[in-house]
PDB file of N, CA and C in Angstrom:
ATOM      1  N   MET A   1     -91.560  57.933  42.150  1.00  0.00           N
ATOM      2  CA  MET A   1     -90.416  57.292  41.343  1.00  0.00           C
ATOM      3  C   MET A   1     -90.607  56.114  41.904  1.00  0.00           C
ATOM      4  N   ASN A   2     -91.051  54.615  41.429  1.00  0.00           N
ATOM      5  CA  ASN A   2     -90.734  53.588  42.797  1.00  0.00           C
ATOM      6  C   ASN A   2     -89.235  52.660  43.026  1.00  0.00           C
ATOM      7  N   GLY A   3     -88.819  51.551  43.479  1.00  0.00           N
ATOM      8  CA  GLY A   3     -87.957  50.755  43.018  1.00  0.00           C
ATOM      9  C   GLY A   3     -87.969  49.964  41.848  1.00  0.00           C
ATOM     10  N   TYR A   4     -88.949  49.701  41.433  1.00  0.00           N
ATOM     11  CA  TYR A   4     -88.373  48.814  40.041  1.00  0.00           C
ATOM     12  C   TYR A   4     -87.466  50.357  39.080  1.00  0.00           C
ATOM     13  N   GLU A   5     -88.517  51.461  38.900  1.00  0.00           N
ATOM     14  CA  GLU A   5     -87.397  52.605  37.989  1.00  0.00           C
ATOM     15  C   GLU A   5     -86.031  52.422  38.793  1.00  0.00           C
ATOM     16  N   ILE A   6     -86.311  53.122  39.461  1.00  0.00           N
ATOM     17  CA  ILE A   6     -84.775  52.380  40.204  1.00  0.00           C
ATOM     18  C   ILE A   6     -83.505  51.466  40.022  1.00  0.00           C
ATOM     19  N   TYR A   7     -83.795  50.654  39.847  1.00  0.00           N
ATOM     20  CA  TYR A   7     -83.442  49.348  39.401  1.00  0.00           C
ATOM     21  C   TYR A   7     -83.135  49.307  37.875  1.00  0.00           C
ATOM     22  N   ASN A   8     -84.242  49.817  37.357  1.00  0.00           N
ATOM     23  CA  ASN A   8     -83.755  50.372  35.795  1.00  0.00           C
ATOM     24  C   ASN A   8     -82.896  51.240  35.598  1.00  0.00           C
ATOM     25  N   LYS A   9     -82.910  52.727  36.157  1.00  0.00           N
ATOM     26  CA  LYS A   9     -82.170  53.060  36.159  1.00  0.00           C
ATOM     27  C   LYS A   9     -80.421  52.456  36.574  1.00  0.00           C
ATOM     28  N   ALA A  10     -80.494  51.900  37.102  1.00  0.00           N
ATOM     29  CA  ALA A  10     -79.405  51.340  37.707  1.00  0.00           C
ATOM     30  C   ALA A  10     -78.764  50.592  36.765  1.00  0.00           C
ATOM     31  N   SER A  11     -79.652  49.955  35.985  1.00  0.00           N
ATOM     32  CA  SER A  11     -79.237  48.960  34.802  1.00  0.00           C
ATOM     33  C   SER A  11     -78.605  49.601  33.453  1.00  0.00           C
ATOM     34  N   VAL A  12     -79.306  50.360  33.323  1.00  0.00           N
ATOM     35  CA  VAL A  12     -78.841  51.081  32.316  1.00  0.00           C
ATOM     36  C   VAL A  12     -77.437  51.854  32.467  1.00  0.00           C
ATOM     37  N   ARG A  13     -77.657  52.512  33.341  1.00  0.00           N
ATOM     38  CA  ARG A  13     -76.189  53.320  33.882  1.00  0.00           C
ATOM     39  C   ARG A  13     -75.149  52.149  33.584  1.00  0.00           C
ATOM     40  N   LEU A  14     -75.359  51.213  34.328  1.00  0.00           N
ATOM     41  CA  LEU A  14     -74.244  50.357  34.375  1.00  0.00           C
ATOM     42  C   LEU A  14     -73.679  49.306  33.352  1.00  0.00           C
ATOM     43  N   GLY A  15     -75.008  49.600  31.843  1.00  0.00           N
ATOM     44  CA  GLY A  15     -75.150  48.990  31.311  1.00  0.00           C
ATOM     45  C   GLY A  15     -74.989  47.448  31.023  1.00  0.00           C
ATOM     46  N   TYR A  16     -76.077  47.243  31.709  1.00  0.00           N
ATOM     47  CA  TYR A  16     -76.898  45.752  31.806  1.00  0.00           C
ATOM     48  C   TYR A  16     -77.926  45.700  31.166  1.00  0.00           C
ATOM     49  N   LYS A  17     -78.424  46.379  30.661  1.00  0.00           N
ATOM     50  CA  LYS A  17     -79.647  46.343  29.491  1.00  0.00           C
ATOM     51  C   LYS A  17     -78.916  47.344  28.295  1.00  0.00           C
ATOM     52  N   GLY A  18     -79.421  46.580  27.295  1.00  0.00           N
ATOM     53  CA  GLY A  18     -79.328  47.054  25.960  1.00  0.00           C
ATOM     54  C   GLY A  18     -78.194  46.345  25.635  1.00  0.00           C
ATOM     55  N   ASN A  19     -77.168  45.329  26.185  1.00  0.00           N
ATOM     56  CA  ASN A  19     -76.268  44.688  25.546  1.00  0.00           C
ATOM     57  C   ASN A  19     -76.615  43.441  25.236  1.00  0.00           C
ATOM     58  N   GLY A  20     -77.660  42.984  24.958  1.00  0.00           N
ATOM     59  CA  GLY A  20     -78.448  41.667  25.109  1.00  0.00           C
ATOM     60  C   GLY A  20     -78.600  40.675  26.452  1.00  0.00           C
ATOM     61  N   ARG A  21     -78.414  41.666  27.325  1.00  0.00           N
ATOM     62  CA  ARG A  21     -78.356  41.144  28.405  1.00  0.00           C
ATOM     63  C   ARG A  21     -79.637  41.705  29.452  1.00  0.00           C
ATOM     64  N   ASP A  22     -80.712  40.511  29.498  1.00  0.00           N
ATOM     65  CA  ASP A  22     -81.831  41.538  30.508  1.00  0.00           C
ATOM     66  C   ASP A  22     -81.960  40.771  31.718  1.00  0.00           C
ATOM     67  N   GLU A  23     -81.346  42.071  32.332  1.00  0.00           N
ATOM     68  CA  GLU A  23     -81.244  41.776  33.584  1.00  0.00           C
ATOM     69  C   GLU A  23     -82.585  41.760  34.760  1.00  0.00           C
ATOM     70  N   VAL A  24     -83.838  42.093  34.098  1.00  0.00           N
ATOM     71  CA  VAL A  24     -85.125  42.114  34.601  1.00  0.00           C
ATOM     72  C   VAL A  24     -85.589  40.655  34.932  1.00  0.00           C
ATOM     73  N   SER A  25     -84.896  39.466  33.696  1.00  0.00           N
ATOM     74  CA  SER A  25     -85.322  38.334  34.042  1.00  0.00           C
ATOM     75  C   SER A  25     -84.363  37.477  34.569  1.00  0.00           C
ATOM     76  N   ASP A  26     -83.728  38.003  35.252  1.00  0.00           N
ATOM     77  CA  ASP A  26     -82.495  37.574  35.872  1.00  0.00           C
ATOM     78  C   ASP A  26     -82.759  37.069  37.348  1.00  0.00           C
ATOM     79  N   SER A  27     -83.566  36.601  37.300  1.00  0.00           N
ATOM     80  CA  SER A  27     -83.492  36.159  39.133  1.00  0.00           C
ATOM     81  C   SER A  27     -82.834  36.052  39.818  1.00  0.00           C
ATOM     82  N   ARG A  28     -81.383  35.805  39.565  1.00  0.00           N
ATOM     83  CA  ARG A  28     -80.555  35.985  40.202  1.00  0.00           C
ATOM     84  C   ARG A  28     -80.323  37.201  41.078  1.00  0.00           C
ATOM     85  N   LEU A  29     -80.313  38.174  40.455  1.00  0.00           N
ATOM     86  CA  LEU A  29     -80.340  39.585  40.919  1.00  0.00           C
ATOM     87  C   LEU A  29     -81.512  40.430  41.350  1.00  0.00           C
ATOM     88  N   THR A  30     -82.484  39.991  40.578  1.00  0.00           N
ATOM     89  CA  THR A  30     -83.669  41.096  40.901  1.00  0.00           C
ATOM     90  C   THR A  30     -84.003  40.640  41.999  1.00  0.00           C
ATOM     91  N   GLY A  31     -83.943  39.252  42.781  1.00  0.00           N
ATOM     92  CA  GLY A  31     -84.376  38.767  44.258  1.00  0.00           C
ATOM     93  C   GLY A  31     -83.643  40.109  45.129  1.00  0.00           C
ATOM     94  N   ARG A  32     -82.226  40.433  45.021  1.00  0.00           N
ATOM     95  CA  ARG A  32     -81.732  40.823  46.219  1.00  0.00           C
ATOM     96  C   ARG A  32     -81.868  42.803  45.493  1.00  0.00           C
ATOM     97  N   ILE A  33     -82.701  43.067  44.928  1.00  0.00           N
ATOM     98  CA  ILE A  33     -82.409  44.339  44.148  1.00  0.00           C
ATOM     99  C   ILE A  33     -83.361  44.947  45.775  1.00  0.00           C
ATOM    100  N   LEU A  34     -84.497  44.503  45.892  1.00  0.00           N
ATOM    101  CA  LEU A  34     -85.005  45.135  47.278  1.00  0.00           C
ATOM    102  C   LEU A  34     -84.338  45.368  48.221  1.00  0.00           C
ATOM    103  N   GLU A  35     -82.774  44.180  48.603  1.00  0.00           N
ATOM    104  CA  GLU A  35     -82.265  44.328  50.030  1.00  0.00           C
ATOM    105  C   GLU A  35     -80.999  45.802  49.698  1.00  0.00           C
ATOM    106  N   PHE A  36     -80.953  45.571  48.702  1.00  0.00           N
ATOM    107  CA  PHE A  36     -79.709  46.789  47.454  1.00  0.00           C
ATOM    108  C   PHE A  36     -80.428  47.894  48.000  1.00  0.00           C
ATOM    109  N   LEU A  37     -81.583  48.068  47.656  1.00  0.00           N
ATOM    110  CA  LEU A  37     -82.344  49.325  47.525  1.00  0.00           C
ATOM    111  C   LEU A  37     -82.859  49.928  49.556  1.00  0.00           C
ATOM    112  N   ASN A  38     -82.451  48.700  50.778  1.00  0.00           N
ATOM    113  CA  ASN A  38     -82.928  49.166  51.858  1.00  0.00           C
ATOM    114  C   ASN A  38     -81.974  49.306  51.919  1.00  0.00           C
ATOM    115  N   GLN A  39     -80.891  48.936  52.028  1.00  0.00           N
ATOM    116  CA  GLN A  39     -79.019  49.234  52.255  1.00  0.00           C
ATOM    117  C   GLN A  39     -79.601  50.412  52.327  1.00  0.00           C
ATOM    118  N   ILE A  40     -79.438  50.818  50.787  1.00  0.00           N
ATOM    119  CA  ILE A  40     -78.878  52.178  50.730  1.00  0.00           C
ATOM    120  C   ILE A  40     -79.893  53.430  51.724  1.00  0.00           C
ATOM    121  N   ILE A  41     -81.185  53.148  51.592  1.00  0.00           N
ATOM    122  CA  ILE A  41     -82.147  53.831  52.097  1.00  0.00           C
ATOM    123  C   ILE A  41     -81.891  54.066  53.465  1.00  0.00           C
ATOM    124  N   ILE A  42     -81.419  53.261  53.979  1.00  0.00           N
ATOM    125  CA  ILE A  42     -81.358  52.795  55.341  1.00  0.00           C
ATOM    126  C   ILE A  42     -79.552  53.905  55.834  1.00  0.00           C
ATOM    127  N   ASP A  43     -79.066  53.648  54.996  1.00  0.00           N
ATOM    128  CA  ASP A  43     -77.860  54.238  55.233  1.00  0.00           C
ATOM    129  C   ASP A  43     -77.984  55.964  54.699  1.00  0.00           C
ATOM    130  N   LEU A  44     -78.967  56.551  53.689  1.00  0.00           N
ATOM    131  CA  LEU A  44     -79.332  57.777  53.627  1.00  0.00           C
ATOM    132  C   LEU A  44     -80.231  58.290  55.607  1.00  0.00           C
ATOM    133  N   LYS A  45     -80.333  57.407  55.970  1.00  0.00           N
ATOM    134  CA  LYS A  45     -81.252  57.876  57.069  1.00  0.00           C
ATOM    135  C   LYS A  45     -82.803  58.350  56.869  1.00  0.00           C
ATOM    136  N   LEU A  46     -83.164  57.379  56.160  1.00  0.00           N
ATOM    137  CA  LEU A  46     -84.759  57.099  55.409  1.00  0.00           C
ATOM    138  C   LEU A  46     -85.080  55.919  55.686  1.00  0.00           C
ATOM    139  N   GLU A  47     -86.757  56.030  55.492  1.00  0.00           N
ATOM    140  CA  GLU A  47     -87.507  54.345  56.175  1.00  0.00           C
ATOM    141  C   GLU A  47     -87.350  53.459  54.955  1.00  0.00           C
ATOM    142  N   PRO A  48     -86.946  52.002  55.065  1.00  0.00           N
ATOM    143  CA  PRO A  48     -87.626  51.629  54.436  1.00  0.00           C
ATOM    144  C   PRO A  48     -88.359  51.087  53.618  1.00  0.00           C
ATOM    145  N   VAL A  49     -88.511  50.432  52.061  1.00  0.00           N
ATOM    146  CA  VAL A  49     -89.893  49.753  51.882  1.00  0.00           C
ATOM    147  C   VAL A  49     -89.969  48.644  51.926  1.00  0.00           C
ATOM    148  N   ASN A  50     -91.505  48.248  51.967  1.00  0.00           N
ATOM    149  CA  ASN A  50     -91.553  47.237  51.673  1.00  0.00           C
ATOM    150  C   ASN A  50     -91.804  46.344  50.580  1.00  0.00           C
ATOM    151  N   SER A  51     -91.897  46.549  49.650  1.00  0.00           N
ATOM    152  CA  SER A  51     -91.521  46.134  47.515  1.00  0.00           C
ATOM    153  C   SER A  51     -90.886  47.018  46.805  1.00  0.00           C
ATOM    154  N   LEU A  52     -90.471  46.851  45.947  1.00  0.00           N
ATOM    155  CA  LEU A  52     -90.431  47.302  44.337  1.00  0.00           C
ATOM    156  C   LEU A  52     -91.265  48.458  44.495  1.00  0.00           C
ATOM    157  N   SER A  53     -92.617  48.141  44.352  1.00  0.00           N
ATOM    158  CA  SER A  53     -93.595  48.631  43.732  1.00  0.00           C
ATOM    159  C   SER A  53     -93.858  49.940  44.372  1.00  0.00           C
ATOM    160  N   GLU A  54     -93.288  49.820  45.804  1.00  0.00           N
ATOM    161  CA  GLU A  54     -93.851  51.030  46.573  1.00  0.00           C
ATOM    162  C   GLU A  54     -93.401  52.648  45.993  1.00  0.00           C
ATOM    163  N   ASN A  55     -93.775  53.218  45.617  1.00  0.00           N
ATOM    164  CA  ASN A  55     -93.647  55.322  45.636  1.00  0.00           C
ATOM    165  C   ASN A  55     -92.466  55.375  46.716  1.00  0.00           C
ATOM    166  N   LEU A  56     -91.188  55.711  46.366  1.00  0.00           N
ATOM    167  CA  LEU A  56     -90.704  56.885  47.103  1.00  0.00           C
ATOM    168  C   LEU A  56     -90.929  58.223  46.805  1.00  0.00           C
ATOM    169  N   SER A  57     -91.355  59.148  47.825  1.00  0.00           N
ATOM    170  CA  SER A  57     -91.816  60.372  47.692  1.00  0.00           C
ATOM    171  C   SER A  57     -90.492  61.114  48.135  1.00  0.00           C
ATOM    172  N   TYR A  58     -89.184  61.484  47.380  1.00  0.00           N
ATOM    173  CA  TYR A  58     -88.088  61.987  48.390  1.00  0.00           C
ATOM    174  C   TYR A  58     -87.654  62.604  47.099  1.00  0.00           C
ATOM    175  N   SER A  59     -86.924  63.896  47.208  1.00  0.00           N
ATOM    176  CA  SER A  59     -86.408  65.096  46.042  1.00  0.00           C
ATOM    177  C   SER A  59     -85.313  64.240  45.112  1.00  0.00           C
ATOM    178  N   ASN A  60     -85.188  65.220  44.355  1.00  0.00           N
ATOM    179  CA  ASN A  60     -84.736  64.337  43.120  1.00  0.00           C
ATOM    180  C   ASN A  60     -83.133  64.079  43.496  1.00  0.00           C
ATOM    181  N   ASP A  61     -82.709  64.996  44.064  1.00  0.00           N
ATOM    182  CA  ASP A  61     -81.164  64.641  44.830  1.00  0.00           C
ATOM    183  C   ASP A  61     -80.779  63.742  45.464  1.00  0.00           C
ATOM    184  N   ILE A  62     -82.194  62.937  46.144  1.00  0.00           N
ATOM    185  CA  ILE A  62     -82.094  61.587  47.054  1.00  0.00           C
ATOM    186  C   ILE A  62     -82.369  60.731  46.461  1.00  0.00           C
ATOM    187  N   LEU A  63     -83.237  60.799  45.320  1.00  0.00           N
ATOM    188  CA  LEU A  63     -83.731  59.559  44.215  1.00  0.00           C
ATOM    189  C   LEU A  63     -82.512  59.198  43.315  1.00  0.00           C
ATOM    190  N   GLU A  64     -81.431  60.335  43.031  1.00  0.00           N
ATOM    191  CA  GLU A  64     -80.169  60.259  42.110  1.00  0.00           C
ATOM    192  C   GLU A  64     -79.171  59.455  43.369  1.00  0.00           C
ATOM    193  N   THR A  65     -79.210  60.173  43.913  1.00  0.00           N
ATOM    194  CA  THR A  65     -78.329  59.406  45.043  1.00  0.00           C
ATOM    195  C   THR A  65     -78.700  57.950  45.198  1.00  0.00           C
ATOM    196  N   ILE A  66     -79.949  57.861  45.330  1.00  0.00           N
ATOM    197  CA  ILE A  66     -80.370  56.069  45.920  1.00  0.00           C
ATOM    198  C   ILE A  66     -80.083  55.542  44.490  1.00  0.00           C
ATOM    199  N   CYS A  67     -80.420  56.058  43.078  1.00  0.00           N
ATOM    200  CA  CYS A  67     -80.231  55.129  42.218  1.00  0.00           C
ATOM    201  C   CYS A  67     -78.077  55.039  42.309  1.00  0.00           C
ATOM    202  N   CYS A  68     -77.796  56.000  42.202  1.00  0.00           N
ATOM    203  CA  CYS A  68     -76.223  55.264  42.370  1.00  0.00           C
ATOM    204  C   CYS A  68     -75.623  54.375  43.220  1.00  0.00           C
ATOM    205  N   GLY A  69     -76.126  54.676  44.723  1.00  0.00           N
ATOM    206  CA  GLY A  69     -75.821  53.494  46.170  1.00  0.00           C
ATOM    207  C   GLY A  69     -76.363  52.515  44.790  1.00  0.00           C
ATOM    208  N   VAL A  70     -77.488  51.714  44.400  1.00  0.00           N
ATOM    209  CA  VAL A  70     -77.548  50.456  44.368  1.00  0.00           C
ATOM    210  C   VAL A  70     -77.146  50.350  42.746  1.00  0.00           C
ATOM    211  N   ALA A  71     -77.058  51.370  42.454  1.00  0.00           N
ATOM    212  CA  ALA A  71     -76.231  50.707  40.691  1.00  0.00           C
ATOM    213  C   ALA A  71     -74.260  50.293  41.842  1.00  0.00           C
ATOM    214  N   MET A  72     -74.326  50.841  42.681  1.00  0.00           N
ATOM    215  CA  MET A  72     -72.876  50.629  43.313  1.00  0.00           C
ATOM    216  C   MET A  72     -72.929  49.203  43.988  1.00  0.00           C
ATOM    217  N   MET A  73     -73.941  48.666  44.583  1.00  0.00           N
ATOM    218  CA  MET A  73     -74.071  47.042  45.425  1.00  0.00           C
ATOM    219  C   MET A  73     -74.631  46.469  43.861  1.00  0.00           C
ATOM    220  N   MET A  74     -75.279  46.897  43.051  1.00  0.00           N
ATOM    221  CA  MET A  74     -75.096  45.726  41.565  1.00  0.00           C
ATOM    222  C   MET A  74     -74.058  45.401  41.182  1.00  0.00           C
ATOM    223  N   SER A  75     -73.724  46.394  41.362  1.00  0.00           N
ATOM    224  CA  SER A  75     -72.109  46.336  40.399  1.00  0.00           C
ATOM    225  C   SER A  75     -71.104  45.505  41.113  1.00  0.00           C
ATOM    226  N   LEU A  76     -71.485  45.464  42.925  1.00  0.00           N
ATOM    227  CA  LEU A  76     -70.810  44.912  43.802  1.00  0.00           C
ATOM    228  C   LEU A  76     -70.708  43.541  43.477  1.00  0.00           C
ATOM    229  N   SER A  77     -71.778  42.925  43.371  1.00  0.00           N
ATOM    230  CA  SER A  77     -72.720  41.771  43.706  1.00  0.00           C
ATOM    231  C   SER A  77     -72.634  40.707  42.554  1.00  0.00           C
ATOM    232  N   GLU A  78     -72.040  41.620  40.927  1.00  0.00           N
ATOM    233  CA  GLU A  78     -71.913  41.085  39.895  1.00  0.00           C
ATOM    234  C   GLU A  78     -70.387  41.071  39.632  1.00  0.00           C
ATOM    235  N   GLY A  79     -69.167  41.621  40.679  1.00  0.00           N
ATOM    236  CA  GLY A  79     -67.920  41.311  40.604  1.00  0.00           C
ATOM    237  C   GLY A  79     -67.536  42.482  39.500  1.00  0.00           C
ATOM    238  N   ASP A  80     -68.208  43.462  39.125  1.00  0.00           N
ATOM    239  CA  ASP A  80     -67.588  44.075  37.968  1.00  0.00           C
ATOM    240  C   ASP A  80     -66.993  45.537  38.275  1.00  0.00           C
ATOM    241  N   THR A  81     -65.743  45.158  38.706  1.00  0.00           N
ATOM    242  CA  THR A  81     -65.034  46.318  39.723  1.00  0.00           C
ATOM    243  C   THR A  81     -64.699  47.347  39.268  1.00  0.00           C
ATOM    244  N   ASN A  82     -64.263  47.367  37.957  1.00  0.00           N
ATOM    245  CA  ASN A  82     -64.349  48.696  37.575  1.00  0.00           C
ATOM    246  C   ASN A  82     -65.913  49.463  37.945  1.00  0.00           C
ATOM    247  N   LYS A  83     -66.700  48.952  36.960  1.00  0.00           N
ATOM    248  CA  LYS A  83     -67.577  49.856  37.262  1.00  0.00           C
ATOM    249  C   LYS A  83     -68.003  50.232  39.298  1.00  0.00           C
ATOM    250  N   ASN A  84     -67.889  49.159  39.887  1.00  0.00           N
ATOM    251  CA  ASN A  84     -68.067  49.415  40.987  1.00  0.00           C
ATOM    252  C   ASN A  84     -67.265  50.747  41.449  1.00  0.00           C
ATOM    253  N   VAL A  85     -65.543  50.546  41.133  1.00  0.00           N
ATOM    254  CA  VAL A  85     -65.211  51.945  41.887  1.00  0.00           C
ATOM    255  C   VAL A  85     -65.876  52.928  41.445  1.00  0.00           C
ATOM    256  N   ILE A  86     -66.528  53.415  40.422  1.00  0.00           N
ATOM    257  CA  ILE A  86     -66.726  54.384  39.460  1.00  0.00           C
ATOM    258  C   ILE A  86     -68.003  55.238  40.596  1.00  0.00           C
ATOM    259  N   PHE A  87     -68.870  53.777  40.358  1.00  0.00           N
ATOM    260  CA  PHE A  87     -70.492  53.929  41.641  1.00  0.00           C
ATOM    261  C   PHE A  87     -70.165  54.387  42.812  1.00  0.00           C
ATOM    262  N   THR A  88     -69.222  53.668  42.732  1.00  0.00           N
ATOM    263  CA  THR A  88     -68.887  54.162  44.406  1.00  0.00           C
ATOM    264  C   THR A  88     -68.399  55.523  44.802  1.00  0.00           C
ATOM    265  N   ALA A  89     -67.393  56.148  44.158  1.00  0.00           N
ATOM    266  CA  ALA A  89     -67.254  57.235  44.063  1.00  0.00           C
ATOM    267  C   ALA A  89     -68.225  58.174  44.032  1.00  0.00           C
ATOM    268  N   LEU A  90     -69.166  57.894  43.180  1.00  0.00           N
ATOM    269  CA  LEU A  90     -70.193  59.124  43.109  1.00  0.00           C
ATOM    270  C   LEU A  90     -71.093  58.657  44.345  1.00  0.00           C
ATOM    271  N   TYR A  91     -71.193  57.560  44.780  1.00  0.00           N
ATOM    272  CA  TYR A  91     -72.464  57.545  45.807  1.00  0.00           C
ATOM    273  C   TYR A  91     -71.917  58.429  47.172  1.00  0.00           C
ATOM    274  N   ASN A  92     -70.539  58.242  47.296  1.00  0.00           N
ATOM    275  CA  ASN A  92     -70.304  58.940  48.276  1.00  0.00           C
ATOM    276  C   ASN A  92     -69.978  60.220  48.460  1.00  0.00           C
ATOM    277  N   ALA A  93     -70.112  61.103  47.414  1.00  0.00           N
ATOM    278  CA  ALA A  93     -69.992  62.101  47.032  1.00  0.00           C
ATOM    279  C   ALA A  93     -71.336  62.246  47.315  1.00  0.00           C
ATOM    280  N   LYS A  94     -72.875  62.065  46.123  1.00  0.00           N
ATOM    281  CA  LYS A  94     -74.014  62.505  46.567  1.00  0.00           C
ATOM    282  C   LYS A  94     -74.762  61.854  47.632  1.00  0.00           C
ATOM    283  N   ARG A  95     -73.904  60.936  48.607  1.00  0.00           N
ATOM    284  CA  ARG A  95     -74.193  60.500  50.128  1.00  0.00           C
ATOM    285  C   ARG A  95     -73.581  61.889  50.588  1.00  0.00           C
ATOM    286  N   MET A  96     -72.802  62.292  50.692  1.00  0.00           N
ATOM    287  CA  MET A  96     -72.084  63.718  51.669  1.00  0.00           C
ATOM    288  C   MET A  96     -73.219  64.531  51.547  1.00  0.00           C
ATOM    289  N   THR A  97     -73.350  64.953  50.586  1.00  0.00           N
ATOM    290  CA  THR A  97     -74.312  66.207  49.836  1.00  0.00           C
ATOM    291  C   THR A  97     -76.042  65.869  50.512  1.00  0.00           C
ATOM    292  N   ALA A  98     -76.384  64.522  50.431  1.00  0.00           N
ATOM    293  CA  ALA A  98     -77.957  64.343  50.707  1.00  0.00           C
ATOM    294  C   ALA A  98     -77.884  64.434  52.278  1.00  0.00           C
ATOM    295  N   LEU A  99     -76.681  64.259  53.185  1.00  0.00           N
ATOM    296  CA  LEU A  99     -76.980  63.760  54.188  1.00  0.00           C
ATOM    297  C   LEU A  99     -76.505  65.428  54.861  1.00  0.00           C
ATOM    298  N   SER A 100     -75.601  66.180  54.401  1.00  0.00           N
ATOM    299  CA  SER A 100     -75.387  67.502  54.886  1.00  0.00           C
ATOM    300  C   SER A 100     -76.674  68.646  54.802  1.00  0.00           C
ATOM    301  N   LYS A 101     -76.464  69.135  56.082  1.00  0.00           N
ATOM    302  CA  LYS A 101     -77.394  69.648  56.537  1.00  0.00           C
ATOM    303  C   LYS A 101     -77.413  71.266  56.996  1.00  0.00           C
ATOM    304  N   THR A 102     -78.096  72.155  56.352  1.00  0.00           N
ATOM    305  CA  THR A 102     -77.757  73.375  57.085  1.00  0.00           C
ATOM    306  C   THR A 102     -78.365  74.586  57.465  1.00  0.00           C
ATOM    307  N   ASP A 103     -78.564  74.613  59.398  1.00  0.00           N
ATOM    308  CA  ASP A 103     -78.994  75.196  59.856  1.00  0.00           C
ATOM    309  C   ASP A 103     -78.453  76.869  60.244  1.00  0.00           C
ATOM    310  N   PHE A 104     -79.293  77.338  60.514  1.00  0.00           N
ATOM    311  CA  PHE A 104     -79.083  79.059  60.597  1.00  0.00           C
ATOM    312  C   PHE A 104     -79.079  79.245  62.211  1.00  0.00           C
ATOM    313  N   ILE A 105     -78.646  79.455  63.094  1.00  0.00           N
ATOM    314  CA  ILE A 105     -78.283  80.043  64.275  1.00  0.00           C
ATOM    315  C   ILE A 105     -78.003  81.640  64.744  1.00  0.00           C
ATOM    316  N   LYS A 106     -79.278  81.430  65.267  1.00  0.00           N
ATOM    317  CA  LYS A 106     -79.111  82.943  65.712  1.00  0.00           C
ATOM    318  C   LYS A 106     -78.433  83.179  67.022  1.00  0.00           C
ATOM    319  N   ASP A 107     -77.341  84.251  66.256  1.00  0.00           N
ATOM    320  CA  ASP A 107     -76.361  84.876  67.513  1.00  0.00           C
ATOM    321  C   ASP A 107     -76.580  85.966  68.720  1.00  0.00           C
ATOM    322  N   THR A 108     -77.164  85.018  69.500  1.00  0.00           N
ATOM    323  CA  THR A 108     -77.566  86.228  70.042  1.00  0.00           C
ATOM    324  C   THR A 108     -76.823  86.037  71.787  1.00  0.00           C
ATOM    325  N   LEU A 109     -76.705  86.974  72.420  1.00  0.00           N
ATOM    326  CA  LEU A 109     -75.361  87.477  73.364  1.00  0.00           C
ATOM    327  C   LEU A 109     -76.363  87.593  74.446  1.00  0.00           C
ATOM    328  N   PRO A 110     -75.940  87.320  75.452  1.00  0.00           N
ATOM    329  CA  PRO A 110     -77.167  87.915  76.697  1.00  0.00           C
ATOM    330  C   PRO A 110     -76.545  89.208  77.571  1.00  0.00           C
ATOM    331  N   VAL A 111     -78.055  89.635  77.478  1.00  0.00           N
ATOM    332  CA  VAL A 111     -77.387  91.181  77.971  1.00  0.00           C
ATOM    333  C   VAL A 111     -78.028  91.523  79.685  1.00  0.00           C
ATOM    334  N   ALA A 112     -76.392  92.006  79.836  1.00  0.00           N
ATOM    335  CA  ALA A 112     -76.696  91.985  80.998  1.00  0.00           C
ATOM    336  C   ALA A 112     -77.374  92.820  82.339  1.00  0.00           C
ATOM    337  N   GLU A 113     -78.285  92.969  82.745  1.00  0.00           N
ATOM    338  CA  GLU A 113     -79.309  93.866  83.373  1.00  0.00           C
ATOM    339  C   GLU A 113     -78.847  94.434  84.831  1.00  0.00           C
ATOM    340  N   GLY A 114     -79.013  96.017  84.590  1.00  0.00           N
ATOM    341  CA  GLY A 114     -78.522  96.958  85.805  1.00  0.00           C
ATOM    342  C   GLY A 114     -77.854  97.608  85.270  1.00  0.00           C
TER     343      GLY A 114
END
C-alpha cells in the first residue's frame, strides 16, 4: 500500500469522495497529504516517507492505524469537527494497540552457591 491508497481510503471513509466532491483534484488538500502522512508515521515511531508513491510495507494493523490518523488530520484541516471527533477516538485506540508491545521476561532467581 502506498500514500495515495491511504489518502483514497481516508477520503472515502470521510465521505469526501463519491458525493460530487473530488478531493484528488483539490490541490489545497492533496498538497498537505504527505505532511499528514508523515506526522502520523512519525507519531507511530516509524520512518517517514519521501513521496506518496512510496510503498509502505507495514502490517495491516499499522496501515489501518495510519489510515485513521490521516482521516483525522484531513477532517481537522477541513474543519469537519464531527468527523474529527470520531476519527480522533479511532486513531487513539488503534495507536495504543500499535504502540503496545508484549515481551516475555524469564523469571530467574539467583542461586546461592555453597
